[in-house]
């Protein structure tokens, strides 16, 4: 369920419904609104926080961060991944296996 919630928030960011700086509901408020467990919402927020999609501002709350959701951001991240794989001596086929495994997770 946390993956689905992450996907919904990411979709809102991508299509402009959730603009940078938009304040998000508290974990408890969103859990109550969506009938999800508090831990599920907290896990989703944690993943989005780690990915840089949202940010916390102390007692002010949680907000949508300024993120580039265009394909150019994805291309840049892919280049970073390839550079890291090459640095570690990982061949293309093995690197692609890691990407495929990530899609399965």
PDB file of N, CA and C in Angstrom:
ATOM      1  N   UNK A   1       0.808  -1.204   0.000  1.00  0.00           N
ATOM      2  CA  UNK A   1       0.000   0.000   0.000  1.00  0.00           C
ATOM      3  C   UNK A   1       0.852   1.269   0.000  1.00  0.00           C
ATOM      4  N   UNK A   2       2.001   1.220   0.676  1.00  0.00           N
ATOM      5  CA  UNK A   2       2.837   2.414   0.691  1.00  0.00           C
ATOM      6  C   UNK A   2       3.338   2.727  -0.712  1.00  0.00           C
ATOM      7  N   UNK A   3       3.587   1.684  -1.534  1.00  0.00           N
ATOM      8  CA  UNK A   3       4.009   1.912  -2.920  1.00  0.00           C
ATOM      9  C   UNK A   3       2.919   2.627  -3.709  1.00  0.00           C
ATOM     10  N   UNK A   4       1.672   2.233  -3.477  1.00  0.00           N
ATOM     11  CA  UNK A   4       0.552   2.867  -4.177  1.00  0.00           C
ATOM     12  C   UNK A   4       0.411   4.327  -3.748  1.00  0.00           C
ATOM     13  N   UNK A   5       0.589   4.587  -2.468  1.00  0.00           N
ATOM     14  CA  UNK A   5       0.499   5.959  -1.978  1.00  0.00           C
ATOM     15  C   UNK A   5       1.633   6.795  -2.560  1.00  0.00           C
ATOM     16  N   UNK A   6       2.837   6.240  -2.590  1.00  0.00           N
ATOM     17  CA  UNK A   6       3.971   6.939  -3.210  1.00  0.00           C
ATOM     18  C   UNK A   6       3.653   7.262  -4.663  1.00  0.00           C
ATOM     19  N   UNK A   7       3.115   6.290  -5.378  1.00  0.00           N
ATOM     20  CA  UNK A   7       2.789   6.486  -6.790  1.00  0.00           C
ATOM     21  C   UNK A   7       1.750   7.586  -6.970  1.00  0.00           C
ATOM     22  N   UNK A   8       0.761   7.635  -6.079  1.00  0.00           N
ATOM     23  CA  UNK A   8      -0.270   8.664  -6.180  1.00  0.00           C
ATOM     24  C   UNK A   8       0.310  10.049  -5.924  1.00  0.00           C
ATOM     25  N   UNK A   9       1.175  10.160  -4.943  1.00  0.00           N
ATOM     26  CA  UNK A   9       1.791  11.458  -4.646  1.00  0.00           C
ATOM     27  C   UNK A   9       2.715  11.861  -5.788  1.00  0.00           C
ATOM     28  N   UNK A  10       3.506  10.915  -6.297  1.00  0.00           N
ATOM     29  CA  UNK A  10       4.381  11.213  -7.430  1.00  0.00           C
ATOM     30  C   UNK A  10       3.581  11.644  -8.653  1.00  0.00           C
ATOM     31  N   UNK A  11       2.446  11.007  -8.881  1.00  0.00           N
ATOM     32  CA  UNK A  11       1.587  11.384 -10.009  1.00  0.00           C
ATOM     33  C   UNK A  11       1.089  12.820  -9.829  1.00  0.00           C
ATOM     34  N   UNK A  12       0.714  13.161  -8.602  1.00  0.00           N
ATOM     35  CA  UNK A  12       0.271  14.525  -8.331  1.00  0.00           C
ATOM     36  C   UNK A  12       1.365  15.552  -8.556  1.00  0.00           C
ATOM     37  N   UNK A  13       2.583  15.193  -8.208  1.00  0.00           N
ATOM     38  CA  UNK A  13       3.721  16.090  -8.440  1.00  0.00           C
ATOM     39  C   UNK A  13       3.978  16.201  -9.937  1.00  0.00           C
ATOM     40  N   UNK A  14       3.948  15.075 -10.635  1.00  0.00           N
ATOM     41  CA  UNK A  14       4.241  15.055 -12.072  1.00  0.00           C
ATOM     42  C   UNK A  14       3.228  15.828 -12.894  1.00  0.00           C
ATOM     43  N   UNK A  15       1.956  15.707 -12.539  1.00  0.00           N
ATOM     44  CA  UNK A  15       0.938  16.374 -13.352  1.00  0.00           C
ATOM     45  C   UNK A  15       0.591  17.779 -12.849  1.00  0.00           C
ATOM     46  N   UNK A  16       1.273  18.226 -11.811  1.00  0.00           N
ATOM     47  CA  UNK A  16       1.100  19.600 -11.360  1.00  0.00           C
ATOM     48  C   UNK A  16       0.020  19.817 -10.316  1.00  0.00           C
ATOM     49  N   UNK A  17      -0.690  18.761  -9.929  1.00  0.00           N
ATOM     50  CA  UNK A  17      -1.701  18.929  -8.875  1.00  0.00           C
ATOM     51  C   UNK A  17      -1.049  19.259  -7.541  1.00  0.00           C
ATOM     52  N   UNK A  18       0.157  18.704  -7.322  1.00  0.00           N
ATOM     53  CA  UNK A  18       0.923  18.999  -6.108  1.00  0.00           C
ATOM     54  C   UNK A  18       2.152  19.790  -6.527  1.00  0.00           C
ATOM     55  N   UNK A  19       2.097  21.074  -6.341  1.00  0.00           N
ATOM     56  CA  UNK A  19       3.192  21.953  -6.755  1.00  0.00           C
ATOM     57  C   UNK A  19       4.249  22.052  -5.664  1.00  0.00           C
ATOM     58  N   UNK A  20       5.476  22.363  -6.057  1.00  0.00           N
ATOM     59  CA  UNK A  20       6.515  22.574  -5.039  1.00  0.00           C
ATOM     60  C   UNK A  20       6.042  23.590  -4.000  1.00  0.00           C
ATOM     61  N   UNK A  21       6.272  23.252  -2.747  1.00  0.00           N
ATOM     62  CA  UNK A  21       5.853  24.120  -1.657  1.00  0.00           C
ATOM     63  C   UNK A  21       4.487  23.793  -1.088  1.00  0.00           C
ATOM     64  N   UNK A  22       3.753  22.891  -1.751  1.00  0.00           N
ATOM     65  CA  UNK A  22       2.436  22.493  -1.252  1.00  0.00           C
ATOM     66  C   UNK A  22       2.612  21.725   0.049  1.00  0.00           C
ATOM     67  N   UNK A  23       1.867  22.152   1.059  1.00  0.00           N
ATOM     68  CA  UNK A  23       1.926  21.460   2.341  1.00  0.00           C
ATOM     69  C   UNK A  23       1.093  20.187   2.267  1.00  0.00           C
ATOM     70  N   UNK A  24       1.672  19.090   2.712  1.00  0.00           N
ATOM     71  CA  UNK A  24       0.974  17.804   2.729  1.00  0.00           C
ATOM     72  C   UNK A  24       0.336  17.580   4.093  1.00  0.00           C
ATOM     73  N   UNK A  25      -0.686  16.745   4.141  1.00  0.00           N
ATOM     74  CA  UNK A  25      -1.305  16.437   5.440  1.00  0.00           C
ATOM     75  C   UNK A  25      -0.309  15.724   6.350  1.00  0.00           C
ATOM     76  N   UNK A  26      -0.554  15.796   7.623  1.00  0.00           N
ATOM     77  CA  UNK A  26       0.267  15.031   8.562  1.00  0.00           C
ATOM     78  C   UNK A  26       0.064  13.544   8.285  1.00  0.00           C
ATOM     79  N   UNK A  27       0.959  12.744   8.778  1.00  0.00           N
ATOM     80  CA  UNK A  27       0.856  11.299   8.596  1.00  0.00           C
ATOM     81  C   UNK A  27      -0.470  10.803   9.148  1.00  0.00           C
ATOM     82  N   UNK A  28      -0.815  11.228  10.343  1.00  0.00           N
ATOM     83  CA  UNK A  28      -2.069  10.771  10.964  1.00  0.00           C
ATOM     84  C   UNK A  28      -3.297  11.244  10.185  1.00  0.00           C
ATOM     85  N   UNK A  29      -3.274  12.488   9.716  1.00  0.00           N
ATOM     86  CA  UNK A  29      -4.414  13.015   8.968  1.00  0.00           C
ATOM     87  C   UNK A  29      -4.593  12.276   7.648  1.00  0.00           C
ATOM     88  N   UNK A  30      -3.488  12.013   6.948  1.00  0.00           N
ATOM     89  CA  UNK A  30      -3.587  11.298   5.685  1.00  0.00           C
ATOM     90  C   UNK A  30      -4.012   9.850   5.903  1.00  0.00           C
ATOM     91  N   UNK A  31      -3.522   9.237   6.966  1.00  0.00           N
ATOM     92  CA  UNK A  31      -3.936   7.868   7.291  1.00  0.00           C
ATOM     93  C   UNK A  31      -5.441   7.815   7.546  1.00  0.00           C
ATOM     94  N   UNK A  32      -5.954   8.772   8.296  1.00  0.00           N
ATOM     95  CA  UNK A  32      -7.386   8.805   8.587  1.00  0.00           C
ATOM     96  C   UNK A  32      -8.198   9.049   7.316  1.00  0.00           C
ATOM     97  N   UNK A  33      -7.717   9.956   6.472  1.00  0.00           N
ATOM     98  CA  UNK A  33      -8.433  10.306   5.240  1.00  0.00           C
ATOM     99  C   UNK A  33      -8.466   9.140   4.244  1.00  0.00           C
ATOM    100  N   UNK A  34      -7.407   8.340   4.226  1.00  0.00           N
ATOM    101  CA  UNK A  34      -7.296   7.260   3.241  1.00  0.00           C
ATOM    102  C   UNK A  34      -7.614   5.877   3.806  1.00  0.00           C
ATOM    103  N   UNK A  35      -7.924   5.827   5.090  1.00  0.00           N
ATOM    104  CA  UNK A  35      -8.176   4.553   5.770  1.00  0.00           C
ATOM    105  C   UNK A  35      -6.982   3.609   5.694  1.00  0.00           C
ATOM    106  N   UNK A  36      -5.787   4.176   5.732  1.00  0.00           N
ATOM    107  CA  UNK A  36      -4.561   3.383   5.769  1.00  0.00           C
ATOM    108  C   UNK A  36      -3.985   3.419   7.178  1.00  0.00           C
ATOM    109  N   UNK A  37      -3.144   2.465   7.465  1.00  0.00           N
ATOM    110  CA  UNK A  37      -2.466   2.457   8.761  1.00  0.00           C
ATOM    111  C   UNK A  37      -1.459   3.602   8.805  1.00  0.00           C
ATOM    112  N   UNK A  38      -1.274   4.148   9.992  1.00  0.00           N
ATOM    113  CA  UNK A  38      -0.317   5.238  10.180  1.00  0.00           C
ATOM    114  C   UNK A  38       1.079   4.807   9.715  1.00  0.00           C
ATOM    115  N   UNK A  39       1.468   3.572  10.029  1.00  0.00           N
ATOM    116  CA  UNK A  39       2.781   3.081   9.613  1.00  0.00           C
ATOM    117  C   UNK A  39       2.928   3.034   8.094  1.00  0.00           C
ATOM    118  N   UNK A  40       1.855   2.743   7.383  1.00  0.00           N
ATOM    119  CA  UNK A  40       1.889   2.684   5.921  1.00  0.00           C
ATOM    120  C   UNK A  40       2.156   4.072   5.349  1.00  0.00           C
ATOM    121  N   UNK A  41       1.456   5.061   5.865  1.00  0.00           N
ATOM    122  CA  UNK A  41       1.656   6.437   5.401  1.00  0.00           C
ATOM    123  C   UNK A  41       3.053   6.918   5.788  1.00  0.00           C
ATOM    124  N   UNK A  42       3.477   6.602   6.996  1.00  0.00           N
ATOM    125  CA  UNK A  42       4.819   7.009   7.437  1.00  0.00           C
ATOM    126  C   UNK A  42       5.887   6.387   6.546  1.00  0.00           C
ATOM    127  N   UNK A  43       5.706   5.125   6.156  1.00  0.00           N
ATOM    128  CA  UNK A  43       6.662   4.458   5.272  1.00  0.00           C
ATOM    129  C   UNK A  43       6.703   5.158   3.911  1.00  0.00           C
ATOM    130  N   UNK A  44       5.536   5.502   3.376  1.00  0.00           N
ATOM    131  CA  UNK A  44       5.477   6.192   2.080  1.00  0.00           C
ATOM    132  C   UNK A  44       6.163   7.555   2.173  1.00  0.00           C
ATOM    133  N   UNK A  45       5.862   8.307   3.219  1.00  0.00           N
ATOM    134  CA  UNK A  45       6.508   9.607   3.396  1.00  0.00           C
ATOM    135  C   UNK A  45       8.018   9.441   3.532  1.00  0.00           C
ATOM    136  N   UNK A  46       8.452   8.404   4.233  1.00  0.00           N
ATOM    137  CA  UNK A  46       9.883   8.158   4.394  1.00  0.00           C
ATOM    138  C   UNK A  46      10.564   7.891   3.062  1.00  0.00           C
ATOM    139  N   UNK A  47       9.911   7.100   2.212  1.00  0.00           N
ATOM    140  CA  UNK A  47      10.465   6.808   0.888  1.00  0.00           C
ATOM    141  C   UNK A  47      10.519   8.058   0.027  1.00  0.00           C
ATOM    142  N   UNK A  48       9.461   8.859   0.077  1.00  0.00           N
ATOM    143  CA  UNK A  48       9.429  10.097  -0.703  1.00  0.00           C
ATOM    144  C   UNK A  48      10.442  11.107  -0.182  1.00  0.00           C
ATOM    145  N   UNK A  49      10.642  11.120   1.109  1.00  0.00           N
ATOM    146  CA  UNK A  49      11.643  11.995   1.721  1.00  0.00           C
ATOM    147  C   UNK A  49      13.042  11.581   1.270  1.00  0.00           C
ATOM    148  N   UNK A  50      13.311  10.285   1.305  1.00  0.00           N
ATOM    149  CA  UNK A  50      14.621   9.781   0.888  1.00  0.00           C
ATOM    150  C   UNK A  50      14.883  10.059  -0.589  1.00  0.00           C
ATOM    151  N   UNK A  51      13.823  10.050  -1.390  1.00  0.00           N
ATOM    152  CA  UNK A  51      13.959  10.306  -2.824  1.00  0.00           C
ATOM    153  C   UNK A  51      14.014  11.794  -3.154  1.00  0.00           C
ATOM    154  N   UNK A  52      13.791  12.639  -2.147  1.00  0.00           N
ATOM    155  CA  UNK A  52      13.853  14.082  -2.377  1.00  0.00           C
ATOM    156  C   UNK A  52      12.585  14.674  -2.958  1.00  0.00           C
ATOM    157  N   UNK A  53      11.500  13.911  -2.947  1.00  0.00           N
ATOM    158  CA  UNK A  53      10.231  14.389  -3.490  1.00  0.00           C
ATOM    159  C   UNK A  53       9.523  15.297  -2.503  1.00  0.00           C
ATOM    160  N   UNK A  54       9.655  14.978  -1.224  1.00  0.00           N
ATOM    161  CA  UNK A  54       9.066  15.823  -0.185  1.00  0.00           C
ATOM    162  C   UNK A  54      10.169  16.228   0.791  1.00  0.00           C
ATOM    163  N   UNK A  55       9.872  17.235   1.580  1.00  0.00           N
ATOM    164  CA  UNK A  55      10.817  17.691   2.595  1.00  0.00           C
ATOM    165  C   UNK A  55      10.058  18.073   3.853  1.00  0.00           C
ATOM    166  N   UNK A  56      10.716  17.931   4.979  1.00  0.00           N
ATOM    167  CA  UNK A  56      10.096  18.352   6.228  1.00  0.00           C
ATOM    168  C   UNK A  56      10.702  19.679   6.642  1.00  0.00           C
ATOM    169  N   UNK A  57       9.884  20.496   7.232  1.00  0.00           N
ATOM    170  CA  UNK A  57      10.315  21.808   7.702  1.00  0.00           C
ATOM    171  C   UNK A  57       9.993  21.948   9.193  1.00  0.00           C
ATOM    172  N   UNK A  58      10.524  21.003   9.947  1.00  0.00           N
ATOM    173  CA  UNK A  58      10.332  21.039  11.391  1.00  0.00           C
ATOM    174  C   UNK A  58       8.867  21.032  11.765  1.00  0.00           C
ATOM    175  N   UNK A  59       8.508  21.918  12.687  1.00  0.00           N
ATOM    176  CA  UNK A  59       7.129  21.970  13.168  1.00  0.00           C
ATOM    177  C   UNK A  59       6.155  22.509  12.121  1.00  0.00           C
ATOM    178  N   UNK A  60       6.675  23.064  11.017  1.00  0.00           N
ATOM    179  CA  UNK A  60       5.798  23.597   9.971  1.00  0.00           C
ATOM    180  C   UNK A  60       5.116  22.504   9.156  1.00  0.00           C
ATOM    181  N   UNK A  61       5.738  21.330   9.105  1.00  0.00           N
ATOM    182  CA  UNK A  61       5.103  20.220   8.411  1.00  0.00           C
ATOM    183  C   UNK A  61       5.925  19.655   7.275  1.00  0.00           C
ATOM    184  N   UNK A  62       5.239  18.921   6.419  1.00  0.00           N
ATOM    185  CA  UNK A  62       5.854  18.251   5.282  1.00  0.00           C
ATOM    186  C   UNK A  62       5.349  18.904   4.004  1.00  0.00           C
ATOM    187  N   UNK A  63       6.274  19.159   3.085  1.00  0.00           N
ATOM    188  CA  UNK A  63       5.953  19.896   1.869  1.00  0.00           C
ATOM    189  C   UNK A  63       6.508  19.190   0.644  1.00  0.00           C
ATOM    190  N   UNK A  64       5.892  19.460  -0.500  1.00  0.00           N
ATOM    191  CA  UNK A  64       6.431  18.974  -1.762  1.00  0.00           C
ATOM    192  C   UNK A  64       7.704  19.760  -2.043  1.00  0.00           C
ATOM    193  N   UNK A  65       8.781  19.031  -2.312  1.00  0.00           N
ATOM    194  CA  UNK A  65      10.058  19.668  -2.609  1.00  0.00           C
ATOM    195  C   UNK A  65      10.079  20.132  -4.064  1.00  0.00           C
ATOM    196  N   UNK A  66      11.038  20.941  -4.382  1.00  0.00           N
ATOM    197  CA  UNK A  66      11.244  21.361  -5.767  1.00  0.00           C
ATOM    198  C   UNK A  66      11.994  20.238  -6.470  1.00  0.00           C
ATOM    199  N   UNK A  67      11.282  19.471  -7.277  1.00  0.00           N
ATOM    200  CA  UNK A  67      11.901  18.340  -7.973  1.00  0.00           C
ATOM    201  C   UNK A  67      11.658  18.467  -9.466  1.00  0.00           C
ATOM    202  N   UNK A  68      12.588  17.968 -10.219  1.00  0.00           N
ATOM    203  CA  UNK A  68      12.452  17.914 -11.671  1.00  0.00           C
ATOM    204  C   UNK A  68      11.868  16.558 -12.021  1.00  0.00           C
ATOM    205  N   UNK A  69      10.608  16.537 -12.412  1.00  0.00           N
ATOM    206  CA  UNK A  69       9.955  15.270 -12.728  1.00  0.00           C
ATOM    207  C   UNK A  69       9.962  14.980 -14.226  1.00  0.00           C
ATOM    208  N   UNK A  70      10.718  15.763 -14.970  1.00  0.00           N
ATOM    209  CA  UNK A  70      10.769  15.544 -16.411  1.00  0.00           C
ATOM    210  C   UNK A  70      11.668  14.357 -16.739  1.00  0.00           C
ATOM    211  N   UNK A  71      11.626  13.954 -17.970  1.00  0.00           N
ATOM    212  CA  UNK A  71      12.469  12.848 -18.403  1.00  0.00           C
ATOM    213  C   UNK A  71      13.948  13.207 -18.317  1.00  0.00           C
ATOM    214  N   UNK A  72      14.274  14.490 -18.406  1.00  0.00           N
ATOM    215  CA  UNK A  72      15.682  14.885 -18.332  1.00  0.00           C
ATOM    216  C   UNK A  72      16.278  14.507 -16.980  1.00  0.00           C
ATOM    217  N   UNK A  73      15.495  14.577 -15.930  1.00  0.00           N
ATOM    218  CA  UNK A  73      15.981  14.170 -14.607  1.00  0.00           C
ATOM    219  C   UNK A  73      16.245  12.670 -14.581  1.00  0.00           C
ATOM    220  N   UNK A  74      15.368  11.909 -15.208  1.00  0.00           N
ATOM    221  CA  UNK A  74      15.551  10.462 -15.268  1.00  0.00           C
ATOM    222  C   UNK A  74      16.803  10.110 -16.071  1.00  0.00           C
ATOM    223  N   UNK A  75      17.004  10.801 -17.172  1.00  0.00           N
ATOM    224  CA  UNK A  75      18.189  10.561 -18.001  1.00  0.00           C
ATOM    225  C   UNK A  75      19.447  10.868 -17.212  1.00  0.00           C
ATOM    226  N   UNK A  76      19.456  11.958 -16.476  1.00  0.00           N
ATOM    227  CA  UNK A  76      20.630  12.318 -15.675  1.00  0.00           C
ATOM    228  C   UNK A  76      20.905  11.269 -14.600  1.00  0.00           C
ATOM    229  N   UNK A  77      19.867  10.787 -13.933  1.00  0.00           N
ATOM    230  CA  UNK A  77      20.045   9.744 -12.923  1.00  0.00           C
ATOM    231  C   UNK A  77      20.572   8.457 -13.554  1.00  0.00           C
ATOM    232  N   UNK A  78      20.110   8.159 -14.752  1.00  0.00           N
ATOM    233  CA  UNK A  78      20.595   6.963 -15.450  1.00  0.00           C
ATOM    234  C   UNK A  78      22.091   7.082 -15.739  1.00  0.00           C
ATOM    235  N   UNK A  79      22.522   8.270 -16.143  1.00  0.00           N
ATOM    236  CA  UNK A  79      23.946   8.488 -16.400  1.00  0.00           C
ATOM    237  C   UNK A  79      24.768   8.336 -15.123  1.00  0.00           C
ATOM    238  N   UNK A  80      24.235   8.825 -14.028  1.00  0.00           N
ATOM    239  CA  UNK A  80      24.925   8.676 -12.748  1.00  0.00           C
ATOM    240  C   UNK A  80      25.061   7.197 -12.399  1.00  0.00           C
ATOM    241  N   UNK A  81      23.992   6.439 -12.600  1.00  0.00           N
ATOM    242  CA  UNK A  81      24.011   5.007 -12.313  1.00  0.00           C
ATOM    243  C   UNK A  81      25.055   4.292 -13.179  1.00  0.00           C
ATOM    244  N   UNK A  82      25.086   4.621 -14.458  1.00  0.00           N
ATOM    245  CA  UNK A  82      26.044   3.977 -15.369  1.00  0.00           C
ATOM    246  C   UNK A  82      27.478   4.312 -14.961  1.00  0.00           C
ATOM    247  N   UNK A  83      27.731   5.554 -14.604  1.00  0.00           N
ATOM    248  CA  UNK A  83      29.085   5.930 -14.165  1.00  0.00           C
ATOM    249  C   UNK A  83      29.486   5.147 -12.919  1.00  0.00           C
ATOM    250  N   UNK A  84      28.564   5.012 -11.976  1.00  0.00           N
ATOM    251  CA  UNK A  84      28.851   4.249 -10.762  1.00  0.00           C
ATOM    252  C   UNK A  84      29.107   2.781 -11.084  1.00  0.00           C
ATOM    253  N   UNK A  85      28.287   2.210 -11.940  1.00  0.00           N
ATOM    254  CA  UNK A  85      28.469   0.805 -12.320  1.00  0.00           C
ATOM    255  C   UNK A  85      29.839   0.601 -12.965  1.00  0.00           C
ATOM    256  N   UNK A  86      30.211   1.503 -13.842  1.00  0.00           N
ATOM    257  CA  UNK A  86      31.524   1.385 -14.494  1.00  0.00           C
ATOM    258  C   UNK A  86      32.651   1.510 -13.480  1.00  0.00           C
ATOM    259  N   UNK A  87      32.493   2.437 -12.546  1.00  0.00           N
ATOM    260  CA  UNK A  87      33.509   2.617 -11.504  1.00  0.00           C
ATOM    261  C   UNK A  87      33.685   1.338 -10.694  1.00  0.00           C
ATOM    262  N   UNK A  88      32.583   0.642 -10.453  1.00  0.00           N
ATOM    263  CA  UNK A  88      32.614  -0.598  -9.672  1.00  0.00           C
ATOM    264  C   UNK A  88      32.981  -1.815 -10.523  1.00  0.00           C
ATOM    265  N   UNK A  89      33.187  -1.608 -11.827  1.00  0.00           N
ATOM    266  CA  UNK A  89      33.549  -2.712 -12.700  1.00  0.00           C
ATOM    267  C   UNK A  89      32.388  -3.599 -13.083  1.00  0.00           C
ATOM    268  N   UNK A  90      31.195  -3.092 -12.964  1.00  0.00           N
ATOM    269  CA  UNK A  90      29.990  -3.869 -13.297  1.00  0.00           C
ATOM    270  C   UNK A  90      29.702  -3.712 -14.791  1.00  0.00           C
ATOM    271  N   UNK A  91      29.504  -4.828 -15.457  1.00  0.00           N
ATOM    272  CA  UNK A  91      29.206  -4.840 -16.893  1.00  0.00           C
ATOM    273  C   UNK A  91      27.740  -4.486 -17.129  1.00  0.00           C
ATOM    274  N   UNK A  92      27.433  -4.106 -18.371  1.00  0.00           N
ATOM    275  CA  UNK A  92      26.092  -3.667 -18.749  1.00  0.00           C
ATOM    276  C   UNK A  92      25.016  -4.690 -18.375  1.00  0.00           C
ATOM    277  N   UNK A  93      25.243  -5.948 -18.707  1.00  0.00           N
ATOM    278  CA  UNK A  93      24.231  -6.987 -18.446  1.00  0.00           C
ATOM    279  C   UNK A  93      23.912  -7.087 -16.957  1.00  0.00           C
ATOM    280  N   UNK A  94      24.937  -7.036 -16.129  1.00  0.00           N
ATOM    281  CA  UNK A  94      24.716  -7.122 -14.683  1.00  0.00           C
ATOM    282  C   UNK A  94      24.011  -5.868 -14.164  1.00  0.00           C
ATOM    283  N   UNK A  95      24.414  -4.707 -14.675  1.00  0.00           N
ATOM    284  CA  UNK A  95      23.775  -3.450 -14.256  1.00  0.00           C
ATOM    285  C   UNK A  95      22.290  -3.461 -14.613  1.00  0.00           C
ATOM    286  N   UNK A  96      21.974  -3.992 -15.784  1.00  0.00           N
ATOM    287  CA  UNK A  96      20.571  -4.080 -16.186  1.00  0.00           C
ATOM    288  C   UNK A  96      19.779  -5.041 -15.305  1.00  0.00           C
ATOM    289  N   UNK A  97      20.443  -6.094 -14.833  1.00  0.00           N
ATOM    290  CA  UNK A  97      19.778  -7.021 -13.911  1.00  0.00           C
ATOM    291  C   UNK A  97      19.377  -6.302 -12.626  1.00  0.00           C
ATOM    292  N   UNK A  98      20.239  -5.395 -12.148  1.00  0.00           N
ATOM    293  CA  UNK A  98      19.912  -4.622 -10.947  1.00  0.00           C
ATOM    294  C   UNK A  98      18.708  -3.711 -11.193  1.00  0.00           C
ATOM    295  N   UNK A  99      18.653  -3.120 -12.367  1.00  0.00           N
ATOM    296  CA  UNK A  99      17.519  -2.255 -12.704  1.00  0.00           C
ATOM    297  C   UNK A  99      16.236  -3.080 -12.762  1.00  0.00           C
ATOM    298  N   UNK A 100      16.290  -4.224 -13.406  1.00  0.00           N
ATOM    299  CA  UNK A 100      15.111  -5.086 -13.484  1.00  0.00           C
ATOM    300  C   UNK A 100      14.663  -5.538 -12.100  1.00  0.00           C
ATOM    301  N   UNK A 101      15.619  -5.850 -11.240  1.00  0.00           N
ATOM    302  CA  UNK A 101      15.278  -6.251  -9.872  1.00  0.00           C
ATOM    303  C   UNK A 101      14.617  -5.102  -9.125  1.00  0.00           C
ATOM    304  N   UNK A 102      15.082  -3.895  -9.349  1.00  0.00           N
ATOM    305  CA  UNK A 102      14.487  -2.725  -8.686  1.00  0.00           C
ATOM    306  C   UNK A 102      13.045  -2.520  -9.131  1.00  0.00           C
ATOM    307  N   UNK A 103      12.753  -2.787 -10.391  1.00  0.00           N
ATOM    308  CA  UNK A 103      11.382  -2.670 -10.872  1.00  0.00           C
ATOM    309  C   UNK A 103      10.476  -3.716 -10.246  1.00  0.00           C
ATOM    310  N   UNK A 104      11.037  -4.879  -9.903  1.00  0.00           N
ATOM    311  CA  UNK A 104      10.237  -5.933  -9.271  1.00  0.00           C
ATOM    312  C   UNK A 104       9.945  -5.631  -7.808  1.00  0.00           C
ATOM    313  N   UNK A 105      10.787  -4.845  -7.158  1.00  0.00           N
ATOM    314  CA  UNK A 105      10.613  -4.538  -5.727  1.00  0.00           C
ATOM    315  C   UNK A 105       9.411  -3.664  -5.481  1.00  0.00           C
TER     316      UNK A 105
END
